[in-house]
């Protein structure tokens, strides 16, 4: 094996992540087709994506391309649970499993634009920040750390856009589509 070829363990891990992601996506899309008995009126199943992150401080170790895909279920009472798979700022594949709640901001004004504006707070487990970047997130223990993500969003029909605060590191814009419709 040459110094430039990946190890069999790394290839196996990459393959596991890739297959796990595809299986989860297919299962969730299939679940959206069996609405009866699983989802209630007013529930939302949001497929989300983010094309990148904006960092507050540039770092030469940051990768050229970060991305995120995720799925989030929100009940009519606005409690939510979700999972996302992403490429972090250091080119490591990571996951964020979370729960939370969103609150509408329609009380701010009678203006129609505020009817669809909301804030959201999620908390959960962040997996995947490993050596040599394990110190880039607080309370990381062997690639597992608590996560807390506040967001400001706007819902327009079945689509949404959010700006998510990533601690002191930066911001991420996510775009979503409700696949239950």
N, C-alpha and C. Protein backbone atom coordinates (compact mmCIF):
# COMPACT_ATOMS: atom_id res chain seq x y z
N UNK A 1 0.85 -1.17 0.00
CA UNK A 1 0.00 0.00 0.00
C UNK A 1 0.89 1.23 0.00
N UNK A 2 0.57 2.21 -0.85
CA UNK A 2 1.37 3.43 -0.91
C UNK A 2 0.87 4.42 0.13
N UNK A 3 1.65 5.45 0.33
CA UNK A 3 1.30 6.46 1.34
C UNK A 3 0.07 7.26 0.94
N UNK A 4 -0.27 7.29 -0.36
CA UNK A 4 -1.41 8.10 -0.79
C UNK A 4 -2.71 7.30 -0.85
N UNK A 5 -2.66 6.00 -0.79
CA UNK A 5 -3.91 5.22 -0.86
C UNK A 5 -4.54 5.11 0.52
N UNK A 6 -5.89 5.24 0.58
CA UNK A 6 -6.57 5.18 1.88
C UNK A 6 -6.51 3.79 2.47
N UNK A 7 -6.56 3.73 3.78
CA UNK A 7 -6.51 2.44 4.47
C UNK A 7 -7.84 1.72 4.28
N UNK A 8 -7.84 0.37 4.38
CA UNK A 8 -9.09 -0.39 4.27
C UNK A 8 -10.10 0.01 5.34
N UNK A 9 -9.64 0.38 6.53
CA UNK A 9 -10.56 0.79 7.59
C UNK A 9 -11.26 2.09 7.20
N UNK A 10 -10.51 3.03 6.65
CA UNK A 10 -11.10 4.30 6.23
C UNK A 10 -12.10 4.08 5.10
N UNK A 11 -11.77 3.22 4.14
CA UNK A 11 -12.70 2.92 3.06
C UNK A 11 -13.97 2.27 3.60
N UNK A 12 -13.84 1.37 4.55
CA UNK A 12 -14.99 0.70 5.14
C UNK A 12 -15.88 1.72 5.87
N UNK A 13 -15.28 2.64 6.62
CA UNK A 13 -16.03 3.66 7.33
C UNK A 13 -16.76 4.57 6.35
N UNK A 14 -16.10 4.99 5.27
CA UNK A 14 -16.73 5.83 4.26
C UNK A 14 -17.91 5.10 3.63
N UNK A 15 -17.72 3.85 3.31
CA UNK A 15 -18.79 3.06 2.71
C UNK A 15 -19.98 2.93 3.66
N UNK A 16 -19.70 2.71 4.96
CA UNK A 16 -20.77 2.61 5.96
C UNK A 16 -21.55 3.91 6.04
N UNK A 17 -20.86 5.06 6.08
CA UNK A 17 -21.55 6.35 6.13
C UNK A 17 -22.41 6.55 4.88
N UNK A 18 -21.84 6.23 3.73
CA UNK A 18 -22.57 6.44 2.48
C UNK A 18 -23.81 5.58 2.43
N UNK A 19 -23.70 4.31 2.75
CA UNK A 19 -24.87 3.43 2.71
C UNK A 19 -25.88 3.78 3.79
N UNK A 20 -25.43 4.14 4.96
CA UNK A 20 -26.35 4.52 6.03
C UNK A 20 -27.14 5.76 5.62
N UNK A 21 -26.51 6.70 4.99
CA UNK A 21 -27.20 7.91 4.53
C UNK A 21 -28.25 7.60 3.48
N UNK A 22 -27.89 6.76 2.50
CA UNK A 22 -28.85 6.42 1.45
C UNK A 22 -30.03 5.62 2.01
N UNK A 23 -29.76 4.69 2.89
CA UNK A 23 -30.84 3.88 3.48
C UNK A 23 -31.77 4.76 4.30
N UNK A 24 -31.21 5.68 5.09
CA UNK A 24 -32.04 6.58 5.89
C UNK A 24 -32.90 7.47 4.99
N UNK A 25 -32.33 8.00 3.92
CA UNK A 25 -33.09 8.84 3.01
C UNK A 25 -34.22 8.07 2.35
N UNK A 26 -33.95 6.87 1.87
CA UNK A 26 -35.00 6.06 1.24
C UNK A 26 -36.09 5.68 2.24
N UNK A 27 -35.71 5.34 3.47
CA UNK A 27 -36.70 4.99 4.48
C UNK A 27 -37.60 6.18 4.81
N UNK A 28 -37.01 7.36 4.89
CA UNK A 28 -37.80 8.54 5.21
C UNK A 28 -38.71 8.93 4.06
N UNK A 29 -38.24 8.80 2.85
CA UNK A 29 -39.11 9.08 1.71
C UNK A 29 -40.26 8.08 1.65
N UNK A 30 -39.97 6.82 1.95
CA UNK A 30 -41.04 5.81 1.97
C UNK A 30 -42.02 6.11 3.10
N UNK A 31 -41.52 6.55 4.23
CA UNK A 31 -42.40 6.88 5.36
C UNK A 31 -43.33 8.02 5.02
N UNK A 32 -42.87 8.95 4.19
CA UNK A 32 -43.74 10.06 3.82
C UNK A 32 -44.91 9.60 2.97
N UNK A 33 -44.77 8.43 2.36
CA UNK A 33 -45.86 7.90 1.54
C UNK A 33 -46.90 7.15 2.36
N UNK A 34 -46.57 6.75 3.58
CA UNK A 34 -47.52 6.03 4.43
C UNK A 34 -47.99 6.94 5.56
N UNK A 35 -48.61 8.00 5.19
CA UNK A 35 -49.03 9.04 6.12
C UNK A 35 -50.07 8.56 7.11
N UNK A 36 -50.98 7.73 6.66
CA UNK A 36 -52.10 7.31 7.51
C UNK A 36 -51.59 6.59 8.75
N UNK A 37 -51.99 7.07 9.90
CA UNK A 37 -51.62 6.43 11.16
C UNK A 37 -50.26 6.81 11.69
N UNK A 38 -49.40 7.38 10.89
CA UNK A 38 -48.07 7.75 11.35
C UNK A 38 -48.00 9.25 11.64
N UNK A 39 -48.44 10.05 10.71
CA UNK A 39 -48.39 11.50 10.86
C UNK A 39 -49.79 12.04 11.06
N UNK A 40 -49.90 13.10 11.86
CA UNK A 40 -51.18 13.75 12.15
C UNK A 40 -51.31 15.03 11.32
N UNK A 41 -52.54 15.55 11.23
CA UNK A 41 -52.74 16.83 10.57
C UNK A 41 -51.91 17.90 11.28
N UNK A 42 -51.25 18.71 10.50
CA UNK A 42 -50.41 19.77 11.06
C UNK A 42 -48.96 19.37 11.24
N UNK A 43 -48.64 18.08 11.11
CA UNK A 43 -47.25 17.64 11.21
C UNK A 43 -46.48 18.06 9.96
N UNK A 44 -45.19 18.25 10.14
CA UNK A 44 -44.31 18.65 9.04
C UNK A 44 -43.12 17.69 9.05
N UNK A 45 -42.75 17.19 7.89
CA UNK A 45 -41.53 16.40 7.73
C UNK A 45 -40.66 17.14 6.73
N UNK A 46 -39.68 17.87 7.25
CA UNK A 46 -38.88 18.79 6.45
C UNK A 46 -37.56 18.15 6.03
N UNK A 47 -37.36 18.04 4.72
CA UNK A 47 -36.08 17.63 4.16
C UNK A 47 -35.26 18.90 4.00
N UNK A 48 -34.06 18.92 4.60
CA UNK A 48 -33.27 20.14 4.64
C UNK A 48 -31.90 19.95 4.00
N UNK A 49 -31.37 21.04 3.49
CA UNK A 49 -30.03 21.03 2.91
C UNK A 49 -29.37 22.38 3.15
N UNK A 50 -28.05 22.35 3.23
CA UNK A 50 -27.27 23.59 3.36
C UNK A 50 -26.06 23.48 2.45
N UNK A 51 -25.82 24.51 1.66
CA UNK A 51 -24.69 24.46 0.73
C UNK A 51 -23.35 24.82 1.33
N UNK A 52 -23.34 25.31 2.57
CA UNK A 52 -22.06 25.70 3.15
C UNK A 52 -22.24 26.43 4.46
N UNK A 53 -21.14 26.88 5.01
CA UNK A 53 -21.16 27.62 6.28
C UNK A 53 -20.35 28.90 6.11
N UNK A 54 -20.73 29.90 6.89
CA UNK A 54 -20.00 31.17 6.92
C UNK A 54 -19.30 31.23 8.27
N UNK A 55 -17.98 31.32 8.26
CA UNK A 55 -17.21 31.33 9.49
C UNK A 55 -16.95 32.76 9.95
N UNK A 56 -17.00 32.97 11.26
CA UNK A 56 -16.69 34.28 11.81
C UNK A 56 -15.21 34.59 11.68
N UNK A 57 -14.37 33.56 11.79
CA UNK A 57 -12.92 33.72 11.67
C UNK A 57 -12.39 32.71 10.67
N UNK A 58 -11.70 33.19 9.66
CA UNK A 58 -11.12 32.30 8.66
C UNK A 58 -9.99 31.48 9.29
N UNK A 59 -9.88 30.24 8.84
CA UNK A 59 -8.84 29.34 9.33
C UNK A 59 -8.28 28.60 8.12
N UNK A 60 -6.98 28.54 8.01
CA UNK A 60 -6.36 27.86 6.86
C UNK A 60 -6.69 26.37 6.84
N UNK A 61 -7.10 25.82 7.98
CA UNK A 61 -7.45 24.39 8.03
C UNK A 61 -8.89 24.11 7.59
N UNK A 62 -9.70 25.15 7.38
CA UNK A 62 -11.07 24.95 6.94
C UNK A 62 -11.09 24.33 5.54
N UNK A 63 -11.99 23.38 5.35
CA UNK A 63 -12.14 22.76 4.03
C UNK A 63 -12.80 23.75 3.08
N UNK A 64 -12.67 23.48 1.80
CA UNK A 64 -13.25 24.36 0.79
C UNK A 64 -14.77 24.24 0.72
N UNK A 65 -15.31 23.09 1.13
CA UNK A 65 -16.73 22.86 0.93
C UNK A 65 -17.34 22.13 2.12
N UNK A 66 -18.25 22.80 2.80
CA UNK A 66 -19.05 22.18 3.86
C UNK A 66 -20.46 22.06 3.33
N UNK A 67 -21.20 21.05 3.77
CA UNK A 67 -22.58 20.86 3.34
C UNK A 67 -23.34 20.13 4.43
N UNK A 68 -24.66 20.12 4.31
CA UNK A 68 -25.52 19.44 5.28
C UNK A 68 -26.77 18.93 4.58
N UNK A 69 -27.21 17.74 4.96
CA UNK A 69 -28.53 17.22 4.59
C UNK A 69 -29.17 16.73 5.88
N UNK A 70 -30.47 16.92 6.00
CA UNK A 70 -31.12 16.51 7.22
C UNK A 70 -32.61 16.29 7.04
N UNK A 71 -33.19 15.69 8.04
CA UNK A 71 -34.62 15.44 8.06
C UNK A 71 -35.14 15.80 9.44
N UNK A 72 -36.25 16.53 9.48
CA UNK A 72 -36.79 17.00 10.75
C UNK A 72 -38.30 16.82 10.76
N UNK A 73 -38.82 16.20 11.80
CA UNK A 73 -40.26 16.07 12.00
C UNK A 73 -40.68 17.08 13.05
N UNK A 74 -41.73 17.84 12.74
CA UNK A 74 -42.27 18.81 13.69
C UNK A 74 -43.75 18.54 13.86
N UNK A 75 -44.19 18.44 15.11
CA UNK A 75 -45.60 18.20 15.40
C UNK A 75 -46.38 19.51 15.27
N UNK A 76 -47.70 19.39 15.29
CA UNK A 76 -48.55 20.57 15.21
C UNK A 76 -48.32 21.51 16.40
N UNK A 77 -47.87 20.96 17.53
CA UNK A 77 -47.57 21.79 18.70
C UNK A 77 -46.18 22.43 18.64
N UNK A 78 -45.47 22.20 17.52
CA UNK A 78 -44.17 22.81 17.20
C UNK A 78 -42.99 22.17 17.93
N UNK A 79 -43.20 21.06 18.65
CA UNK A 79 -42.07 20.28 19.17
C UNK A 79 -41.48 19.54 17.99
N UNK A 80 -40.18 19.30 18.00
CA UNK A 80 -39.55 18.69 16.84
C UNK A 80 -38.43 17.75 17.23
N UNK A 81 -38.10 16.87 16.30
CA UNK A 81 -36.97 15.96 16.43
C UNK A 81 -36.35 15.82 15.04
N UNK A 82 -35.03 15.69 15.00
CA UNK A 82 -34.39 15.62 13.69
C UNK A 82 -33.01 15.01 13.72
N UNK A 83 -32.47 14.84 12.53
CA UNK A 83 -31.12 14.30 12.35
C UNK A 83 -30.53 14.95 11.11
N UNK A 84 -29.25 15.24 11.18
CA UNK A 84 -28.56 15.77 10.01
C UNK A 84 -27.21 15.08 9.86
N UNK A 85 -26.78 15.02 8.62
CA UNK A 85 -25.49 14.44 8.25
C UNK A 85 -24.76 15.55 7.49
N UNK A 86 -23.53 15.84 7.89
CA UNK A 86 -22.85 16.97 7.27
C UNK A 86 -21.35 16.78 7.21
N UNK A 87 -20.76 17.56 6.35
CA UNK A 87 -19.31 17.64 6.22
C UNK A 87 -18.89 18.88 7.00
N UNK A 88 -18.16 18.68 8.10
CA UNK A 88 -17.82 19.83 8.94
C UNK A 88 -16.74 20.69 8.29
N UNK A 89 -16.36 21.73 8.96
CA UNK A 89 -15.41 22.70 8.43
C UNK A 89 -14.02 22.12 8.22
N UNK A 90 -13.77 20.93 8.76
CA UNK A 90 -12.46 20.30 8.66
C UNK A 90 -12.52 19.03 7.83
N UNK A 91 -13.55 18.94 6.97
CA UNK A 91 -13.72 17.84 6.02
C UNK A 91 -13.91 16.48 6.71
N UNK A 92 -14.62 16.49 7.84
CA UNK A 92 -14.96 15.26 8.54
C UNK A 92 -16.47 15.06 8.44
N UNK A 93 -16.91 13.85 8.20
CA UNK A 93 -18.34 13.55 8.14
C UNK A 93 -18.87 13.46 9.57
N UNK A 94 -19.96 14.19 9.83
CA UNK A 94 -20.51 14.29 11.18
C UNK A 94 -22.02 14.13 11.15
N UNK A 95 -22.59 13.93 12.33
CA UNK A 95 -24.03 13.80 12.49
C UNK A 95 -24.46 14.64 13.69
N UNK A 96 -25.71 15.12 13.61
CA UNK A 96 -26.32 15.87 14.71
C UNK A 96 -27.72 15.31 14.90
N UNK A 97 -27.97 14.68 16.05
CA UNK A 97 -29.27 14.14 16.41
C UNK A 97 -29.84 15.05 17.49
N UNK A 98 -31.06 15.55 17.28
CA UNK A 98 -31.54 16.61 18.15
C UNK A 98 -33.05 16.57 18.38
N UNK A 99 -33.47 17.35 19.35
CA UNK A 99 -34.88 17.62 19.61
C UNK A 99 -34.96 19.11 19.92
N UNK A 100 -36.18 19.66 19.89
CA UNK A 100 -36.30 21.08 20.17
C UNK A 100 -37.71 21.58 19.98
N UNK A 101 -37.81 22.87 19.80
CA UNK A 101 -39.12 23.51 19.63
C UNK A 101 -38.93 24.79 18.81
N UNK A 102 -40.00 25.15 18.09
CA UNK A 102 -40.00 26.42 17.38
C UNK A 102 -41.17 27.27 17.87
N UNK A 103 -40.99 28.58 17.76
CA UNK A 103 -42.01 29.53 18.22
C UNK A 103 -42.27 30.53 17.12
N UNK A 104 -43.53 30.76 16.78
CA UNK A 104 -43.85 31.77 15.75
C UNK A 104 -43.61 33.17 16.30
N UNK A 105 -43.25 34.09 15.41
CA UNK A 105 -43.03 35.48 15.80
C UNK A 105 -44.16 36.38 15.29
N UNK A 106 -45.34 35.82 15.09
CA UNK A 106 -46.46 36.60 14.55
C UNK A 106 -46.97 37.66 15.52
N UNK A 107 -46.58 37.58 16.78
CA UNK A 107 -47.00 38.57 17.77
C UNK A 107 -46.29 39.91 17.60
N UNK A 108 -45.21 39.94 16.82
CA UNK A 108 -44.43 41.16 16.65
C UNK A 108 -45.24 42.24 15.95
N UNK A 109 -46.01 41.83 14.93
CA UNK A 109 -46.74 42.80 14.13
C UNK A 109 -47.89 42.10 13.42
N UNK A 110 -48.86 42.89 12.99
CA UNK A 110 -49.96 42.34 12.18
C UNK A 110 -49.56 42.21 10.71
N UNK A 111 -48.36 42.67 10.39
CA UNK A 111 -47.87 42.60 9.03
C UNK A 111 -47.80 41.14 8.59
N UNK A 112 -48.21 40.85 7.38
CA UNK A 112 -48.27 39.48 6.82
C UNK A 112 -46.90 38.78 6.84
N UNK A 113 -45.83 39.54 6.69
CA UNK A 113 -44.50 38.93 6.64
C UNK A 113 -44.14 38.25 7.97
N UNK A 114 -44.61 38.78 9.10
CA UNK A 114 -44.27 38.21 10.40
C UNK A 114 -45.07 36.95 10.70
N UNK A 115 -46.12 36.70 9.94
CA UNK A 115 -46.95 35.52 10.15
C UNK A 115 -46.14 34.22 9.95
N UNK A 116 -45.14 34.26 9.10
CA UNK A 116 -44.36 33.06 8.76
C UNK A 116 -42.96 33.05 9.36
N UNK A 117 -42.63 34.02 10.16
CA UNK A 117 -41.31 34.11 10.79
C UNK A 117 -41.32 33.34 12.11
N UNK A 118 -40.24 32.64 12.42
CA UNK A 118 -40.16 31.86 13.65
C UNK A 118 -38.74 31.79 14.17
N UNK A 119 -38.61 31.47 15.46
CA UNK A 119 -37.32 31.14 16.05
C UNK A 119 -37.38 29.68 16.47
N UNK A 120 -36.24 29.05 16.49
CA UNK A 120 -36.17 27.62 16.83
C UNK A 120 -34.92 27.39 17.66
N UNK A 121 -35.05 26.47 18.62
CA UNK A 121 -33.91 26.07 19.43
C UNK A 121 -33.86 24.56 19.45
N UNK A 122 -32.72 23.99 19.08
CA UNK A 122 -32.53 22.54 19.12
C UNK A 122 -31.33 22.21 20.01
N UNK A 123 -31.38 21.03 20.58
CA UNK A 123 -30.28 20.53 21.39
C UNK A 123 -30.17 19.03 21.20
N UNK A 124 -28.96 18.52 21.26
CA UNK A 124 -28.78 17.08 21.07
C UNK A 124 -27.33 16.68 21.08
N UNK A 125 -27.05 15.61 20.36
CA UNK A 125 -25.69 15.06 20.29
C UNK A 125 -25.06 15.33 18.94
N UNK A 126 -23.82 15.79 18.98
CA UNK A 126 -23.02 16.04 17.80
C UNK A 126 -21.95 14.94 17.76
N UNK A 127 -21.92 14.21 16.66
CA UNK A 127 -20.98 13.10 16.52
C UNK A 127 -20.01 13.35 15.37
N UNK A 128 -18.73 13.07 15.58
CA UNK A 128 -17.81 13.05 14.46
C UNK A 128 -16.61 13.96 14.51
N UNK A 129 -16.53 14.92 15.39
CA UNK A 129 -15.33 15.76 15.46
C UNK A 129 -14.23 14.94 16.12
N UNK A 130 -13.33 14.42 15.31
CA UNK A 130 -12.25 13.55 15.79
C UNK A 130 -10.90 14.24 15.62
N UNK A 131 -9.85 13.56 16.09
CA UNK A 131 -8.49 14.08 15.98
C UNK A 131 -8.19 14.45 14.54
N UNK A 132 -7.51 15.50 14.32
CA UNK A 132 -6.89 16.41 15.27
C UNK A 132 -7.77 17.62 15.61
N UNK A 133 -9.08 17.53 15.33
CA UNK A 133 -9.97 18.69 15.50
C UNK A 133 -10.96 18.52 16.65
N UNK A 134 -10.71 17.57 17.53
CA UNK A 134 -11.65 17.31 18.62
C UNK A 134 -11.81 18.50 19.56
N UNK A 135 -10.83 19.38 19.61
CA UNK A 135 -10.92 20.55 20.49
C UNK A 135 -11.65 21.72 19.85
N UNK A 136 -12.16 21.56 18.64
CA UNK A 136 -12.87 22.64 17.96
C UNK A 136 -14.29 22.83 18.47
N UNK A 137 -14.83 21.85 19.20
CA UNK A 137 -16.15 22.00 19.82
C UNK A 137 -16.01 21.68 21.31
N UNK A 138 -16.73 22.41 22.17
CA UNK A 138 -16.60 22.20 23.61
C UNK A 138 -17.19 20.88 24.07
N UNK A 139 -16.66 20.36 25.14
CA UNK A 139 -17.13 19.14 25.81
C UNK A 139 -17.08 17.90 24.93
N UNK A 140 -16.21 17.89 23.94
CA UNK A 140 -16.07 16.75 23.04
C UNK A 140 -15.34 15.62 23.76
N UNK A 141 -15.91 14.43 23.71
CA UNK A 141 -15.29 13.25 24.30
C UNK A 141 -15.30 12.14 23.26
N UNK A 142 -14.16 11.92 22.63
CA UNK A 142 -13.99 10.87 21.63
C UNK A 142 -14.99 11.01 20.48
N UNK A 143 -15.20 12.24 20.03
CA UNK A 143 -16.07 12.49 18.88
C UNK A 143 -17.54 12.64 19.21
N UNK A 144 -17.91 12.71 20.48
CA UNK A 144 -19.30 12.89 20.90
C UNK A 144 -19.37 14.13 21.79
N UNK A 145 -20.26 15.06 21.44
CA UNK A 145 -20.37 16.30 22.20
C UNK A 145 -21.82 16.78 22.20
N UNK A 146 -22.20 17.54 23.23
CA UNK A 146 -23.53 18.14 23.20
C UNK A 146 -23.57 19.28 22.18
N UNK A 147 -24.73 19.48 21.59
CA UNK A 147 -24.90 20.56 20.63
C UNK A 147 -26.13 21.38 20.96
N UNK A 148 -26.08 22.66 20.67
CA UNK A 148 -27.20 23.57 20.88
C UNK A 148 -27.20 24.54 19.70
N UNK A 149 -28.31 24.58 18.95
CA UNK A 149 -28.35 25.41 17.75
C UNK A 149 -29.61 26.28 17.76
N UNK A 150 -29.46 27.59 17.96
CA UNK A 150 -30.58 28.51 17.79
C UNK A 150 -30.70 28.90 16.32
N UNK A 151 -31.93 29.17 15.88
CA UNK A 151 -32.14 29.51 14.47
C UNK A 151 -33.27 30.54 14.34
N UNK A 152 -33.21 31.27 13.26
CA UNK A 152 -34.27 32.18 12.85
C UNK A 152 -34.70 31.72 11.47
N UNK A 153 -36.02 31.52 11.27
CA UNK A 153 -36.47 30.98 10.01
C UNK A 153 -37.69 31.67 9.45
N UNK A 154 -37.95 31.37 8.18
CA UNK A 154 -39.13 31.88 7.49
C UNK A 154 -39.75 30.74 6.71
N UNK A 155 -41.04 30.52 6.92
CA UNK A 155 -41.80 29.45 6.26
C UNK A 155 -42.66 30.07 5.18
N UNK A 156 -42.57 29.55 3.96
CA UNK A 156 -43.41 30.01 2.86
C UNK A 156 -44.00 28.78 2.18
N UNK A 157 -45.25 28.50 2.49
CA UNK A 157 -45.88 27.29 1.95
C UNK A 157 -45.15 26.06 2.47
N UNK A 158 -44.71 25.19 1.58
CA UNK A 158 -44.00 23.98 1.95
C UNK A 158 -42.49 24.18 2.06
N UNK A 159 -42.01 25.39 1.83
CA UNK A 159 -40.58 25.68 1.83
C UNK A 159 -40.22 26.51 3.06
N UNK A 160 -38.96 26.37 3.49
CA UNK A 160 -38.46 27.26 4.54
C UNK A 160 -37.00 27.58 4.29
N UNK A 161 -36.56 28.64 4.93
CA UNK A 161 -35.15 29.01 4.94
C UNK A 161 -34.83 29.40 6.38
N UNK A 162 -33.66 29.00 6.85
CA UNK A 162 -33.24 29.28 8.23
C UNK A 162 -31.81 29.77 8.23
N UNK A 163 -31.52 30.60 9.22
CA UNK A 163 -30.14 30.95 9.51
C UNK A 163 -29.86 30.37 10.90
N UNK A 164 -28.86 29.52 10.99
CA UNK A 164 -28.53 28.79 12.21
C UNK A 164 -27.20 29.31 12.77
N UNK A 165 -27.20 29.57 14.07
CA UNK A 165 -25.98 30.01 14.74
C UNK A 165 -25.21 28.78 15.21
N UNK A 166 -23.99 28.65 14.76
CA UNK A 166 -23.14 27.50 15.08
C UNK A 166 -22.14 27.88 16.18
N UNK A 167 -22.66 28.12 17.35
CA UNK A 167 -21.82 28.54 18.48
C UNK A 167 -21.09 29.82 18.15
N UNK A 168 -19.84 29.89 18.50
CA UNK A 168 -19.03 31.05 18.18
C UNK A 168 -18.29 30.91 16.87
N UNK A 169 -18.57 29.81 16.13
CA UNK A 169 -17.81 29.52 14.92
C UNK A 169 -18.37 30.19 13.67
N UNK A 170 -19.70 30.27 13.55
CA UNK A 170 -20.24 30.84 12.33
C UNK A 170 -21.73 30.65 12.18
N UNK A 171 -22.18 30.78 10.94
CA UNK A 171 -23.59 30.68 10.57
C UNK A 171 -23.76 29.68 9.44
N UNK A 172 -24.94 29.09 9.38
CA UNK A 172 -25.27 28.21 8.27
C UNK A 172 -26.70 28.49 7.83
N UNK A 173 -26.89 28.70 6.53
CA UNK A 173 -28.22 28.84 5.96
C UNK A 173 -28.70 27.47 5.52
N UNK A 174 -29.91 27.10 5.94
CA UNK A 174 -30.50 25.84 5.48
C UNK A 174 -31.77 26.14 4.72
N UNK A 175 -32.05 25.29 3.77
CA UNK A 175 -33.24 25.39 2.95
C UNK A 175 -34.00 24.08 3.10
N UNK A 176 -35.32 24.16 3.26
CA UNK A 176 -36.09 22.95 3.50
C UNK A 176 -37.35 22.86 2.67
N UNK A 177 -37.84 21.63 2.57
CA UNK A 177 -39.10 21.36 1.85
C UNK A 177 -39.88 20.31 2.63
N UNK A 178 -41.16 20.57 2.87
CA UNK A 178 -42.03 19.65 3.60
C UNK A 178 -42.43 18.52 2.66
N UNK A 179 -41.95 17.31 2.89
CA UNK A 179 -42.23 16.19 1.99
C UNK A 179 -43.54 15.48 2.33
N UNK A 180 -44.26 15.96 3.34
CA UNK A 180 -45.56 15.36 3.66
C UNK A 180 -46.68 15.85 2.76
N UNK A 181 -46.47 16.91 2.03
CA UNK A 181 -47.53 17.48 1.19
C UNK A 181 -47.74 16.70 -0.06
